[in-house]
Amino acid sequence: MKAIVIEQNPSGSVLSMRDLPSPEPGPRQVKIRVRTASVNRADLAQRAGTHQPVSSGLAPVSSGLAPVSSGLAPVIVGLDAAGDVVTVGREVTGVRVGDRVMAIVSGGLSEEVVVDAALVVPIPHAWSYAEGAAAILGLMTEHNALRTAGGLRPGETVLIHAAASSVGLQCVQLAKYLGAGAVIATVRTDRATDLLRSQGADHVVEVGEAGFADRVLELTDGRGVDVIVDHVGGPYLADNIRCAALLGRLVGVGRLGGAHGVLDLEALAFKRLSIIGVTFRTRDATEKAAIVGALLSEVDPSFEALRPSIDRILPWTEVQQAQDLMAANSHLGKIVLSIEER
């Protein structure tokens, strides 16, 4: 099969298409013929060498590939995939050959990928493969952030940072779907304001040199917000603490702005706040399956209210252009790559 891999040359990392052995599923896995995969911010970090699995005693995620001539398995790009099930392991139930599915995977930019059957989600009948790839990682991440980590309850106020990003847009949708009261979205520019309002944002706040805490407190009559989903990280920490409500929950999902910030421990204690981190890198397959189960337990199978916004669909041979577009922040919604047979 063909796949897009990260290779090193004297000038740095490059993306290349290579022929690799076709992966074979284990007893509880399925093999998917991939039709589409999306571009994610973590792809850029992975290529830069800053998004490696942390040392936590957990086994590394297997790509299902045999070693190549260098003696090491190549790093295949991609964190999600949508396509058709072509093989099922002997212990798999509930998934059949021919099913249209979407899943978080290791190495989605390949013609075939193997994944635990418990991690696949049926693509809604009205959705395209592109919508499946565009949605699955964001839905799992943001549902886990809002409901499991953030403990969102109906009527509570939610603040979402970097809301114009593709996962930010999905977080806005999910927050409204799960019954949030006011949803406040922060952005760097106003180019996504109309789109965010169409997805369910009640207020859109532009973050300037003065920060955002004063405006958020004004919008909440001084009370603050119950749940903060932060895709920016360190630079926003101080303002997050300032505008959190009593018993508020700050959920750190991304670190687009950096990993370090100033924490006011007195305010943390006074407000009795909780700070929770979210990542998939230290979760094993059982934990990821629990996230899938939690999502499916609360979302209508049609996913109609959670249809993703797609900026554009490109052939997977243009993966470098797609990553450059993401790095330049010149998109609104997901960038999806279509994987054609070659």
Protein backbone atom coordinates (compact mmCIF):
# COMPACT_ATOMS: atom_id res chain seq x y z
CA MET A 1 0.00 0.00 0.00
CA LYS A 2 1.00 3.65 -0.34
CA ALA A 3 1.29 6.04 2.60
CA ILE A 4 2.53 9.54 3.41
CA VAL A 5 5.47 9.36 5.82
CA ILE A 6 7.78 11.79 7.58
CA GLU A 7 11.39 11.52 6.46
CA GLN A 8 14.49 13.44 7.44
CA ASN A 9 16.97 15.03 5.07
CA PRO A 10 19.80 17.54 5.63
CA SER A 11 17.37 20.47 5.49
CA GLY A 12 14.86 18.99 7.93
CA SER A 13 11.72 16.86 7.82
CA VAL A 14 9.86 16.25 4.57
CA LEU A 15 6.66 14.43 3.60
CA SER A 16 7.06 11.59 1.12
CA MET A 17 4.82 8.93 -0.42
CA ARG A 18 6.18 5.44 0.08
CA ASP A 19 5.18 1.85 -0.59
CA LEU A 20 4.75 -0.04 2.67
CA PRO A 21 3.48 -3.47 3.67
CA SER A 22 -0.27 -3.72 4.07
CA PRO A 23 -1.18 -3.96 7.79
CA GLU A 24 -3.09 -6.98 9.06
CA PRO A 25 -5.67 -6.72 11.85
CA GLY A 26 -5.42 -8.57 15.12
CA PRO A 27 -8.32 -10.55 16.62
CA ARG A 28 -10.12 -7.43 17.91
CA GLN A 29 -9.16 -5.06 15.12
CA VAL A 30 -10.49 -4.08 11.72
CA LYS A 31 -8.74 -2.96 8.55
CA ILE A 32 -10.12 0.12 6.82
CA ARG A 33 -9.69 1.07 3.17
CA VAL A 34 -9.12 4.79 3.76
CA ARG A 35 -11.03 7.27 1.60
CA THR A 36 -10.29 10.52 3.44
CA ALA A 37 -8.21 11.86 6.31
CA SER A 38 -8.00 15.35 7.77
CA VAL A 39 -5.14 17.69 8.61
CA ASN A 40 -4.67 18.43 12.31
CA ARG A 41 -2.52 20.89 14.21
CA ALA A 42 -0.73 17.97 15.84
CA ASP A 43 0.48 16.87 12.39
CA LEU A 44 2.67 19.98 12.27
CA ALA A 45 4.01 19.31 15.76
CA GLN A 46 4.68 15.68 14.91
CA ARG A 47 6.64 16.67 11.83
CA ALA A 48 8.61 19.19 13.89
CA GLY A 49 9.42 16.48 16.42
CA THR A 50 7.57 18.14 19.30
CA HIS A 51 4.53 15.83 19.45
CA GLN A 52 6.02 12.49 20.45
CA PRO A 53 4.36 10.03 22.85
CA VAL A 54 5.40 10.92 26.40
CA SER A 55 7.25 8.50 28.60
CA SER A 56 4.54 7.20 30.90
CA GLY A 57 4.93 3.47 30.99
CA LEU A 58 2.31 3.05 28.30
CA ALA A 59 3.08 0.92 25.28
CA PRO A 60 3.57 2.94 22.09
CA VAL A 61 0.80 2.93 19.52
CA SER A 62 1.56 0.34 16.85
CA SER A 63 1.22 1.27 13.20
CA GLY A 64 0.78 -2.39 12.24
CA LEU A 65 3.67 -2.04 9.79
CA ALA A 66 6.69 -4.25 9.35
CA PRO A 67 10.10 -2.61 9.74
CA VAL A 68 11.57 -1.08 6.60
CA SER A 69 15.17 -1.15 5.37
CA SER A 70 16.35 1.37 7.99
CA GLY A 71 15.32 -1.04 10.72
CA LEU A 72 12.64 1.32 12.05
CA ALA A 73 8.96 1.56 11.17
CA PRO A 74 8.27 4.81 9.28
CA VAL A 75 6.14 7.48 10.87
CA ILE A 76 2.92 7.69 8.87
CA VAL A 77 1.12 11.04 8.98
CA GLY A 78 -2.48 11.39 10.13
CA LEU A 79 -4.56 11.07 13.29
CA ASP A 80 -7.94 10.15 11.77
CA ALA A 81 -9.46 8.33 8.83
CA ALA A 82 -12.79 7.61 7.17
CA GLY A 83 -13.42 4.75 4.77
CA ASP A 84 -14.76 1.22 4.33
CA VAL A 85 -14.09 -1.82 6.49
CA VAL A 86 -12.38 -4.47 4.36
CA THR A 87 -11.31 -7.03 7.00
CA VAL A 88 -12.47 -7.82 10.53
CA GLY A 89 -10.61 -9.77 13.22
CA ARG A 90 -12.01 -13.11 14.35
CA GLU A 91 -13.22 -11.74 17.72
CA VAL A 92 -14.87 -8.59 16.32
CA THR A 93 -18.62 -8.16 16.70
CA GLY A 94 -20.81 -5.25 15.68
CA VAL A 95 -18.60 -4.20 12.75
CA ARG A 96 -18.90 -5.80 9.32
CA VAL A 97 -17.02 -5.76 6.05
CA GLY A 98 -18.42 -2.94 3.93
CA ASP A 99 -19.36 -0.66 6.83
CA ARG A 100 -18.63 3.03 6.28
CA VAL A 101 -16.71 4.15 9.37
CA MET A 102 -14.65 6.97 10.87
CA ALA A 103 -12.03 6.59 13.58
CA ILE A 104 -9.04 8.12 15.30
CA VAL A 105 -6.04 6.17 14.08
CA SER A 106 -2.26 6.16 14.04
CA GLY A 107 -1.24 6.94 10.46
CA GLY A 108 -4.45 7.87 8.64
CA LEU A 109 -2.75 9.10 5.47
CA SER A 110 -2.38 5.62 4.01
CA GLU A 111 -4.45 3.50 1.68
CA GLU A 112 -5.17 1.06 4.50
CA VAL A 113 -5.09 1.33 8.27
CA VAL A 114 -5.73 -1.04 11.18
CA VAL A 115 -7.57 0.09 14.31
CA ASP A 116 -9.27 -1.49 17.32
CA ALA A 117 -12.90 -2.24 16.44
CA ALA A 118 -14.04 -0.46 19.61
CA LEU A 119 -12.75 2.84 18.20
CA VAL A 120 -14.69 2.89 14.93
CA VAL A 121 -17.86 4.97 14.61
CA PRO A 122 -20.40 4.52 11.80
CA ILE A 123 -20.42 7.44 9.37
CA PRO A 124 -23.96 8.90 9.42
CA HIS A 125 -25.93 8.00 6.27
CA ALA A 126 -26.24 11.63 5.19
CA TRP A 127 -22.52 12.33 5.63
CA SER A 128 -19.72 12.04 3.10
CA TYR A 129 -16.39 10.37 3.82
CA ALA A 130 -14.88 13.86 3.98
CA GLU A 131 -17.30 14.86 6.74
CA GLY A 132 -16.44 11.69 8.65
CA ALA A 133 -12.73 12.44 8.58
CA ALA A 134 -13.37 16.09 9.42
CA ALA A 135 -15.48 15.30 12.47
CA ILE A 136 -14.27 12.30 14.42
CA LEU A 137 -11.14 13.55 16.20
CA GLY A 138 -12.71 16.88 17.14
CA LEU A 139 -15.92 15.27 18.38
CA MET A 140 -14.06 12.84 20.61
CA THR A 141 -11.68 15.49 21.92
CA GLU A 142 -14.25 18.17 22.62
CA HIS A 143 -16.89 15.84 24.11
CA ASN A 144 -14.24 14.52 26.47
CA ALA A 145 -13.19 18.08 27.32
CA LEU A 146 -16.68 19.45 27.86
CA ARG A 147 -18.49 16.56 29.50
CA THR A 148 -15.98 14.18 31.05
CA ALA A 149 -13.20 16.56 32.06
CA GLY A 150 -15.26 19.75 32.33
CA GLY A 151 -18.37 18.18 33.86
CA LEU A 152 -20.60 20.49 31.82
CA ARG A 153 -24.16 20.65 33.10
CA PRO A 154 -27.18 22.08 31.25
CA GLY A 155 -27.41 25.85 31.58
CA GLU A 156 -23.77 26.40 32.54
CA THR A 157 -21.69 29.04 30.81
CA VAL A 158 -18.82 27.92 28.55
CA LEU A 159 -15.77 29.85 27.32
CA ILE A 160 -13.97 28.39 24.28
CA HIS A 161 -10.57 29.70 23.19
CA ALA A 162 -9.28 29.57 19.59
CA ALA A 163 -12.89 28.97 18.64
CA ALA A 164 -12.26 29.68 14.95
CA SER A 165 -10.07 26.58 14.70
CA SER A 166 -11.73 23.44 13.36
CA VAL A 167 -11.85 21.78 16.79
CA GLY A 168 -12.96 25.08 18.33
CA LEU A 169 -15.90 25.20 15.95
CA GLN A 170 -16.84 21.65 16.91
CA CYS A 171 -16.56 22.57 20.59
CA VAL A 172 -19.03 25.43 20.07
CA GLN A 173 -21.46 23.04 18.36
CA LEU A 174 -21.13 20.42 21.07
CA ALA A 175 -21.48 22.88 23.93
CA LYS A 176 -24.83 24.04 22.56
CA TYR A 177 -25.89 20.47 21.76
CA LEU A 178 -25.13 19.41 25.34
CA GLY A 179 -27.30 22.19 26.76
CA ALA A 180 -24.84 24.91 27.68
CA GLY A 181 -26.28 28.30 28.53
CA ALA A 182 -24.21 31.16 27.10
CA VAL A 183 -21.32 30.04 24.87
CA ILE A 184 -18.52 32.63 24.64
CA ALA A 185 -15.98 32.18 21.85
CA THR A 186 -12.63 33.96 21.72
CA VAL A 187 -10.84 34.73 18.44
CA ARG A 188 -7.83 36.72 17.27
CA THR A 189 -9.67 38.39 14.36
CA ASP A 190 -13.29 38.87 13.36
CA ARG A 191 -13.15 36.79 10.16
CA ALA A 192 -14.97 33.84 11.75
CA THR A 193 -17.63 35.77 13.68
CA ASP A 194 -20.55 34.92 11.39
CA LEU A 195 -19.54 31.26 11.18
CA LEU A 196 -19.22 30.98 14.96
CA ARG A 197 -22.62 32.52 15.53
CA SER A 198 -24.14 30.08 13.02
CA GLN A 199 -22.57 27.21 15.00
CA GLY A 200 -24.07 28.38 18.30
CA ALA A 201 -21.78 31.00 19.84
CA ASP A 202 -23.75 33.59 21.80
CA HIS A 203 -20.83 36.00 22.11
CA VAL A 204 -17.62 36.34 20.11
CA VAL A 205 -14.78 38.14 21.89
CA GLU A 206 -11.68 39.37 20.08
CA VAL A 207 -8.57 38.88 22.20
CA GLY A 208 -6.38 41.98 22.13
CA GLU A 209 -3.43 43.26 24.14
CA ALA A 210 -5.69 43.77 27.16
CA GLY A 211 -6.69 40.11 27.15
CA PHE A 212 -10.24 38.81 27.47
CA ALA A 213 -11.06 38.46 31.18
CA ASP A 214 -12.70 41.87 31.62
CA ARG A 215 -15.00 41.34 28.64
CA VAL A 216 -15.96 37.83 29.76
CA LEU A 217 -16.76 39.09 33.27
CA GLU A 218 -18.84 41.88 31.74
CA LEU A 219 -20.80 39.38 29.62
CA THR A 220 -21.48 37.22 32.70
CA ASP A 221 -22.41 40.12 35.00
CA GLY A 222 -19.26 39.57 37.02
CA ARG A 223 -20.00 35.92 37.80
CA GLY A 224 -17.49 34.33 35.41
CA VAL A 225 -17.77 31.12 33.41
CA ASP A 226 -18.31 27.59 34.62
CA VAL A 227 -16.28 25.67 32.02
CA ILE A 228 -13.29 26.95 30.02
CA VAL A 229 -11.99 24.88 27.11
CA ASP A 230 -8.56 26.25 26.25
CA HIS A 231 -6.81 25.44 22.97
CA VAL A 232 -4.20 28.21 23.42
CA GLY A 233 -2.43 27.40 26.67
CA GLY A 234 0.10 29.34 28.73
CA PRO A 235 -0.53 32.96 27.68
CA TYR A 236 -4.21 32.65 28.60
CA LEU A 237 -3.76 31.03 32.01
CA ALA A 238 -3.87 34.18 34.14
CA ASP A 239 -6.99 35.56 32.41
CA ASN A 240 -8.64 32.13 32.58
CA ILE A 241 -8.29 32.11 36.35
CA ARG A 242 -9.57 35.69 36.57
CA CYS A 243 -12.76 35.04 34.61
CA ALA A 244 -13.61 31.61 36.01
CA ALA A 245 -16.66 31.32 38.25
CA LEU A 246 -16.63 29.77 41.70
CA LEU A 247 -16.12 26.00 41.27
CA GLY A 248 -15.18 26.60 37.64
CA ARG A 249 -13.32 24.00 35.57
CA LEU A 250 -10.43 24.89 33.27
CA VAL A 251 -9.76 22.20 30.66
CA GLY A 252 -6.44 22.44 28.82
CA VAL A 253 -6.72 20.87 25.38
CA GLY A 254 -4.13 22.66 23.25
CA ARG A 255 -1.03 24.76 23.62
CA LEU A 256 -1.03 26.80 20.43
CA GLY A 257 0.41 29.78 22.32
CA GLY A 258 2.86 27.87 24.50
CA ALA A 259 2.90 25.50 27.45
CA HIS A 260 3.87 27.86 30.28
CA GLY A 261 1.82 30.52 32.05
CA VAL A 262 1.44 32.33 35.37
CA LEU A 263 -0.88 30.67 37.86
CA ASP A 264 -2.41 32.65 40.74
CA LEU A 265 -2.64 29.96 43.40
CA GLU A 266 -4.53 32.25 45.78
CA ALA A 267 -7.29 32.79 43.18
CA LEU A 268 -7.26 29.07 42.38
CA ALA A 269 -7.91 28.23 46.02
CA PHE A 270 -10.36 31.08 46.65
CA LYS A 271 -12.56 30.07 43.72
CA ARG A 272 -12.02 26.33 44.37
CA LEU A 273 -11.18 25.80 40.71
CA SER A 274 -10.25 22.57 38.93
CA ILE A 275 -7.62 22.42 36.19
CA ILE A 276 -7.73 19.32 33.99
CA GLY A 277 -5.51 18.34 31.08
CA VAL A 278 -6.78 16.47 28.02
CA THR A 279 -4.71 14.44 25.55
CA PHE A 280 -4.97 11.11 23.72
CA ARG A 281 -1.24 10.42 23.80
CA THR A 282 -1.27 8.83 27.26
CA ARG A 283 -4.51 6.88 26.81
CA ASP A 284 -4.56 3.24 25.88
CA ALA A 285 -7.13 1.63 23.57
CA THR A 286 -9.52 0.86 26.43
CA GLU A 287 -9.57 4.50 27.55
CA LYS A 288 -10.10 5.70 23.98
CA ALA A 289 -12.94 3.23 23.56
CA ALA A 290 -14.57 4.69 26.68
CA ILE A 291 -14.43 8.13 25.05
CA VAL A 292 -16.14 6.74 21.95
CA GLY A 293 -18.80 5.13 24.13
CA ALA A 294 -19.42 8.33 26.08
CA LEU A 295 -19.81 10.31 22.86
CA LEU A 296 -22.22 7.83 21.28
CA SER A 297 -24.29 7.60 24.46
CA GLU A 298 -25.23 11.29 24.19
CA VAL A 299 -25.30 12.03 20.48
CA ASP A 300 -28.07 11.18 18.04
CA PRO A 301 -26.75 8.63 15.48
CA SER A 302 -27.51 11.04 12.64
CA PHE A 303 -25.03 13.58 14.10
CA GLU A 304 -27.06 16.14 12.15
CA ALA A 305 -26.59 18.96 14.64
CA LEU A 306 -22.83 18.31 14.69
CA ARG A 307 -22.02 18.36 11.00
CA PRO A 308 -18.45 19.64 10.59
CA SER A 309 -17.47 22.75 8.68
CA ILE A 310 -15.05 21.90 5.84
CA ASP A 311 -12.80 24.59 4.40
CA ARG A 312 -11.58 22.57 1.42
CA ILE A 313 -10.84 19.06 0.14
CA LEU A 314 -7.48 18.41 -1.52
CA PRO A 315 -5.91 15.28 -3.01
CA TRP A 316 -3.55 13.62 -0.55
CA THR A 317 -0.66 14.25 -2.93
CA GLU A 318 -1.01 17.91 -1.87
CA VAL A 319 -0.47 17.15 1.82
CA GLN A 320 2.42 19.63 2.02
CA GLN A 321 0.18 22.43 0.70
CA ALA A 322 -2.52 21.41 3.16
CA GLN A 323 -0.12 21.57 6.10
CA ASP A 324 1.18 24.94 4.90
CA LEU A 325 -2.40 26.27 4.80
CA MET A 326 -2.93 25.11 8.38
CA ALA A 327 0.35 26.63 9.54
CA ALA A 328 -0.66 29.96 7.96
CA ASN A 329 -4.10 29.87 9.66
CA SER A 330 -5.64 30.70 6.29
CA HIS A 331 -8.56 28.29 6.63
CA LEU A 332 -11.93 28.19 8.40
CA GLY A 333 -13.06 24.68 9.17
CA LYS A 334 -11.32 21.41 8.39
CA ILE A 335 -8.85 20.76 5.61
CA VAL A 336 -9.54 17.25 4.31
CA LEU A 337 -7.35 15.07 2.10
CA SER A 338 -8.91 12.65 -0.39
CA ILE A 339 -7.00 9.41 -0.86
CA GLU A 340 -7.34 8.15 -4.43
CA GLU A 341 -6.29 4.71 -5.60
CA ARG A 342 -2.99 4.95 -7.44
